[in-house]
Amino acid sequence: MSQFLINAVGKPMLTYVKVTVQPVSGRDVCRIQVLPSPEPAWVKEGGGDVLYVRIGNTNHGLTGREAAA
């Protein structure tokens, strides 16, 4: 999990991520808690970088041009 996150957002951003595994009804559930970052966390995706933002109860990916607007 850690290597996946390093590849996706970079090592410095891992200070804002806490991963725990807890048993629930006889199954292991992975919980990922993400704290707010003082700077944007770009995700490496599909050969480019994407900035995800929350709008209401959904996530929206923005490219560089969209994020700059």
N, C-alpha and C. Protein backbone atom coordinates (compact mmCIF):
# COMPACT_ATOMS: atom_id res chain seq x y z
N MET A 1 0.82 -1.18 0.00
CA MET A 1 0.00 0.00 0.00
C MET A 1 0.87 1.26 0.00
N SER A 2 1.92 1.26 0.83
CA SER A 2 2.78 2.45 0.91
C SER A 2 3.43 2.75 -0.43
N GLN A 3 3.93 1.71 -1.11
CA GLN A 3 4.59 1.94 -2.40
C GLN A 3 3.60 2.47 -3.43
N PHE A 4 2.39 1.98 -3.41
CA PHE A 4 1.36 2.48 -4.32
C PHE A 4 1.13 3.97 -4.10
N LEU A 5 1.01 4.37 -2.82
CA LEU A 5 0.77 5.78 -2.51
C LEU A 5 1.98 6.65 -2.87
N ILE A 6 3.19 6.15 -2.63
CA ILE A 6 4.40 6.89 -3.02
C ILE A 6 4.42 7.12 -4.52
N ASN A 7 4.09 6.09 -5.28
CA ASN A 7 4.08 6.21 -6.74
C ASN A 7 2.99 7.18 -7.21
N ALA A 8 1.87 7.22 -6.50
CA ALA A 8 0.74 8.04 -6.92
C ALA A 8 0.87 9.51 -6.54
N VAL A 9 1.27 9.79 -5.30
CA VAL A 9 1.29 11.18 -4.83
C VAL A 9 2.65 11.67 -4.35
N GLY A 10 3.61 10.78 -4.21
CA GLY A 10 4.95 11.17 -3.76
C GLY A 10 5.14 10.96 -2.27
N LYS A 11 6.38 10.71 -1.91
CA LYS A 11 6.74 10.39 -0.53
C LYS A 11 6.37 11.49 0.48
N PRO A 12 6.58 12.77 0.17
CA PRO A 12 6.25 13.81 1.16
C PRO A 12 4.78 13.80 1.60
N MET A 13 3.88 13.39 0.73
CA MET A 13 2.45 13.40 1.06
C MET A 13 2.05 12.29 2.01
N LEU A 14 2.91 11.27 2.19
CA LEU A 14 2.57 10.17 3.09
C LEU A 14 2.44 10.61 4.53
N THR A 15 3.01 11.76 4.89
CA THR A 15 2.87 12.25 6.27
C THR A 15 1.42 12.61 6.59
N TYR A 16 0.60 12.78 5.56
CA TYR A 16 -0.81 13.14 5.75
C TYR A 16 -1.75 11.93 5.63
N VAL A 17 -1.17 10.73 5.46
CA VAL A 17 -1.98 9.52 5.24
C VAL A 17 -1.73 8.52 6.37
N LYS A 18 -2.82 7.98 6.91
CA LYS A 18 -2.74 6.94 7.94
C LYS A 18 -3.54 5.74 7.45
N VAL A 19 -2.89 4.58 7.37
CA VAL A 19 -3.54 3.35 6.90
C VAL A 19 -3.60 2.37 8.06
N THR A 20 -4.81 1.87 8.34
CA THR A 20 -4.99 0.85 9.37
C THR A 20 -5.85 -0.27 8.80
N VAL A 21 -5.64 -1.47 9.34
CA VAL A 21 -6.46 -2.62 8.95
C VAL A 21 -7.17 -3.10 10.21
N GLN A 22 -8.49 -3.23 10.11
CA GLN A 22 -9.29 -3.62 11.26
C GLN A 22 -10.24 -4.74 10.87
N PRO A 23 -10.43 -5.71 11.76
CA PRO A 23 -11.41 -6.77 11.48
C PRO A 23 -12.84 -6.25 11.67
N VAL A 24 -13.68 -6.55 10.69
CA VAL A 24 -15.10 -6.19 10.75
C VAL A 24 -15.89 -7.40 10.27
N SER A 25 -16.71 -7.92 11.13
CA SER A 25 -17.55 -9.09 10.80
C SER A 25 -16.72 -10.24 10.22
N GLY A 26 -15.56 -10.48 10.81
CA GLY A 26 -14.73 -11.59 10.38
C GLY A 26 -13.90 -11.33 9.14
N ARG A 27 -13.90 -10.10 8.63
CA ARG A 27 -13.11 -9.75 7.44
C ARG A 27 -12.22 -8.56 7.76
N ASP A 28 -11.09 -8.49 7.09
CA ASP A 28 -10.19 -7.35 7.28
C ASP A 28 -10.63 -6.20 6.38
N VAL A 29 -10.71 -5.02 6.97
CA VAL A 29 -11.09 -3.81 6.24
C VAL A 29 -9.93 -2.82 6.35
N CYS A 30 -9.50 -2.30 5.21
CA CYS A 30 -8.43 -1.32 5.17
C CYS A 30 -9.05 0.08 5.24
N ARG A 31 -8.66 0.85 6.25
CA ARG A 31 -9.16 2.21 6.42
C ARG A 31 -8.03 3.17 6.08
N ILE A 32 -8.31 4.10 5.20
CA ILE A 32 -7.32 5.10 4.81
C ILE A 32 -7.83 6.46 5.24
N GLN A 33 -7.13 7.08 6.18
CA GLN A 33 -7.50 8.39 6.69
C GLN A 33 -6.51 9.40 6.11
N VAL A 34 -7.03 10.45 5.48
CA VAL A 34 -6.19 11.45 4.85
C VAL A 34 -6.44 12.81 5.50
N LEU A 35 -5.39 13.39 6.04
CA LEU A 35 -5.47 14.70 6.67
C LEU A 35 -5.30 15.79 5.61
N PRO A 36 -5.81 16.99 5.86
CA PRO A 36 -5.63 18.08 4.90
C PRO A 36 -4.14 18.41 4.72
N SER A 37 -3.78 18.73 3.51
CA SER A 37 -2.41 19.12 3.18
C SER A 37 -2.35 20.63 2.97
N PRO A 38 -1.24 21.27 3.36
CA PRO A 38 -1.14 22.71 3.13
C PRO A 38 -0.89 23.06 1.66
N GLU A 39 -0.61 22.06 0.84
CA GLU A 39 -0.38 22.30 -0.58
C GLU A 39 -1.13 21.25 -1.41
N PRO A 40 -1.38 21.52 -2.68
CA PRO A 40 -2.09 20.55 -3.52
C PRO A 40 -1.33 19.23 -3.63
N ALA A 41 -2.06 18.13 -3.66
CA ALA A 41 -1.49 16.80 -3.81
C ALA A 41 -1.88 16.27 -5.18
N TRP A 42 -0.99 16.42 -6.16
CA TRP A 42 -1.24 15.95 -7.52
C TRP A 42 -1.05 14.45 -7.58
N VAL A 43 -1.91 13.76 -8.32
CA VAL A 43 -1.86 12.31 -8.48
C VAL A 43 -1.33 11.99 -9.87
N LYS A 44 -0.31 11.11 -9.92
CA LYS A 44 0.21 10.66 -11.22
C LYS A 44 -0.77 9.63 -11.77
N GLU A 45 -1.36 9.95 -12.91
CA GLU A 45 -2.41 9.09 -13.47
C GLU A 45 -2.43 9.20 -14.98
N GLY A 46 -2.37 8.06 -15.66
CA GLY A 46 -2.51 8.04 -17.12
C GLY A 46 -1.48 8.88 -17.86
N GLY A 47 -0.25 8.92 -17.38
CA GLY A 47 0.79 9.66 -18.06
C GLY A 47 0.81 11.15 -17.74
N GLY A 48 -0.07 11.61 -16.87
CA GLY A 48 -0.11 13.02 -16.49
C GLY A 48 -0.43 13.17 -15.03
N ASP A 49 -0.56 14.40 -14.59
CA ASP A 49 -0.90 14.69 -13.20
C ASP A 49 -2.33 15.21 -13.11
N VAL A 50 -3.04 14.75 -12.09
CA VAL A 50 -4.44 15.13 -11.89
C VAL A 50 -4.60 15.62 -10.45
N LEU A 51 -5.34 16.70 -10.27
CA LEU A 51 -5.66 17.22 -8.94
C LEU A 51 -7.12 16.89 -8.67
N TYR A 52 -7.37 16.09 -7.64
CA TYR A 52 -8.75 15.73 -7.29
C TYR A 52 -9.29 16.71 -6.26
N VAL A 53 -10.51 17.16 -6.47
CA VAL A 53 -11.18 18.08 -5.55
C VAL A 53 -12.53 17.49 -5.17
N ARG A 54 -12.99 17.83 -3.97
CA ARG A 54 -14.31 17.41 -3.53
C ARG A 54 -15.32 18.48 -3.89
N ILE A 55 -16.40 18.07 -4.52
CA ILE A 55 -17.51 18.97 -4.82
C ILE A 55 -18.75 18.24 -4.32
N GLY A 56 -19.30 18.73 -3.22
CA GLY A 56 -20.41 18.02 -2.59
C GLY A 56 -19.94 16.68 -2.07
N ASN A 57 -20.60 15.62 -2.47
CA ASN A 57 -20.19 14.28 -2.03
C ASN A 57 -19.50 13.49 -3.13
N THR A 58 -18.90 14.19 -4.11
CA THR A 58 -18.22 13.52 -5.21
C THR A 58 -16.79 14.04 -5.37
N ASN A 59 -15.96 13.26 -6.06
CA ASN A 59 -14.59 13.66 -6.39
C ASN A 59 -14.52 14.01 -7.87
N HIS A 60 -13.77 15.03 -8.20
CA HIS A 60 -13.59 15.44 -9.59
C HIS A 60 -12.11 15.64 -9.85
N GLY A 61 -11.60 15.02 -10.93
CA GLY A 61 -10.21 15.17 -11.31
C GLY A 61 -10.04 16.36 -12.24
N LEU A 62 -9.05 17.19 -11.93
CA LEU A 62 -8.77 18.37 -12.76
C LEU A 62 -7.36 18.25 -13.33
N THR A 63 -7.21 18.57 -14.60
CA THR A 63 -5.88 18.62 -15.21
C THR A 63 -5.25 19.95 -14.87
N GLY A 64 -4.01 20.15 -15.26
CA GLY A 64 -3.31 21.39 -14.95
C GLY A 64 -4.05 22.63 -15.39
N ARG A 65 -4.56 22.62 -16.61
CA ARG A 65 -5.28 23.78 -17.14
C ARG A 65 -6.58 24.04 -16.36
N GLU A 66 -7.30 22.97 -16.06
CA GLU A 66 -8.55 23.13 -15.32
C GLU A 66 -8.30 23.61 -13.89
N ALA A 67 -7.23 23.10 -13.27
CA ALA A 67 -6.91 23.48 -11.89
C ALA A 67 -6.45 24.93 -11.80
N ALA A 68 -5.82 25.42 -12.85
CA ALA A 68 -5.31 26.80 -12.85
C ALA A 68 -6.44 27.82 -13.05
N ALA A 69 -7.56 27.38 -13.57
CA ALA A 69 -8.67 28.31 -13.87
C ALA A 69 -9.36 28.77 -12.61
